[in-house]
Amino acid sequence: MPKVKTHKGTAKRFKITGTGKVMRAKVGTNHRLHKSKATQRMMKQDLLLTGADAALARKLLPGLKKK
């Protein structure tokens, strides 16, 4: 059986917390930041993936799973 490899594009975009939740960054934070300071602060916080999206991310990140 071949080795199970981590999908590197997914590994750069998502992270798995210590409790096994999958987190992602918010969109729209790279350029054209003519947003209010409050909005820019809110966009620094990560979001939790749920449901089928989280299941797919965990499947693509076998090396980062909570043991």
Protein backbone atom coordinates (compact mmCIF):
# COMPACT_ATOMS: atom_id res chain seq x y z
CA MET A 1 0.00 0.00 0.00
CA PRO A 2 1.46 3.43 -0.91
CA LYS A 3 2.13 6.13 1.62
CA VAL A 4 -0.67 8.53 2.47
CA LYS A 5 0.53 12.03 1.60
CA THR A 6 -0.60 15.41 2.84
CA HIS A 7 -2.12 17.70 0.20
CA LYS A 8 0.29 20.65 0.37
CA GLY A 9 -2.12 23.24 -1.04
CA THR A 10 -4.59 22.37 1.69
CA ALA A 11 -1.90 22.36 4.37
CA LYS A 12 -1.03 25.97 3.51
CA ARG A 13 -4.64 27.14 3.83
CA PHE A 14 -6.03 25.25 6.80
CA LYS A 15 -4.85 24.33 10.25
CA ILE A 16 -6.11 21.77 12.72
CA THR A 17 -6.45 22.82 16.35
CA GLY A 18 -5.47 20.72 19.33
CA THR A 19 -9.06 19.52 19.71
CA GLY A 20 -9.28 18.50 16.04
CA LYS A 21 -11.25 21.44 14.64
CA VAL A 22 -10.33 22.77 11.19
CA MET A 23 -9.71 26.52 10.95
CA ARG A 24 -9.34 28.78 7.91
CA ALA A 25 -8.50 32.43 7.35
CA LYS A 26 -11.08 34.95 6.16
CA VAL A 27 -10.99 36.19 2.59
CA GLY A 28 -10.24 39.68 1.33
CA THR A 29 -7.27 40.51 3.55
CA ASN A 30 -4.50 40.81 0.97
CA HIS A 31 -4.99 44.02 -0.97
CA ARG A 32 -7.34 46.97 -1.47
CA LEU A 33 -7.73 47.43 2.26
CA HIS A 34 -9.95 50.51 2.12
CA LYS A 35 -12.08 48.90 4.80
CA SER A 36 -12.80 50.29 8.23
CA LYS A 37 -10.34 49.49 11.00
CA ALA A 38 -13.02 47.48 12.82
CA THR A 39 -13.58 45.35 9.72
CA GLN A 40 -9.84 44.82 9.29
CA ARG A 41 -9.58 43.66 12.91
CA MET A 42 -12.49 41.24 12.44
CA MET A 43 -10.84 39.80 9.35
CA LYS A 44 -7.77 38.76 11.36
CA GLN A 45 -9.79 36.12 13.21
CA ASP A 46 -9.89 32.58 11.84
CA LEU A 47 -13.13 30.78 11.00
CA LEU A 48 -14.19 27.26 11.89
CA LEU A 49 -14.96 24.82 9.08
CA THR A 50 -17.98 22.61 9.69
CA GLY A 51 -19.74 19.70 8.09
CA ALA A 52 -18.64 18.33 4.75
CA ASP A 53 -16.00 21.04 4.27
CA ALA A 54 -14.22 20.04 7.48
CA ALA A 55 -14.46 16.35 6.60
CA LEU A 56 -12.88 16.96 3.20
CA ALA A 57 -10.08 19.07 4.70
CA ARG A 58 -9.32 16.35 7.27
CA LYS A 59 -9.20 13.77 4.50
CA LEU A 60 -6.64 15.86 2.59
CA LEU A 61 -4.55 16.45 5.75
CA PRO A 62 -3.82 12.96 7.09
CA GLY A 63 -0.47 13.96 8.57
CA LEU A 64 -1.99 16.79 10.62
CA LYS A 65 -4.82 14.82 12.21
CA LYS A 66 -5.28 14.79 15.96
CA LYS A 67 -3.98 11.48 17.20
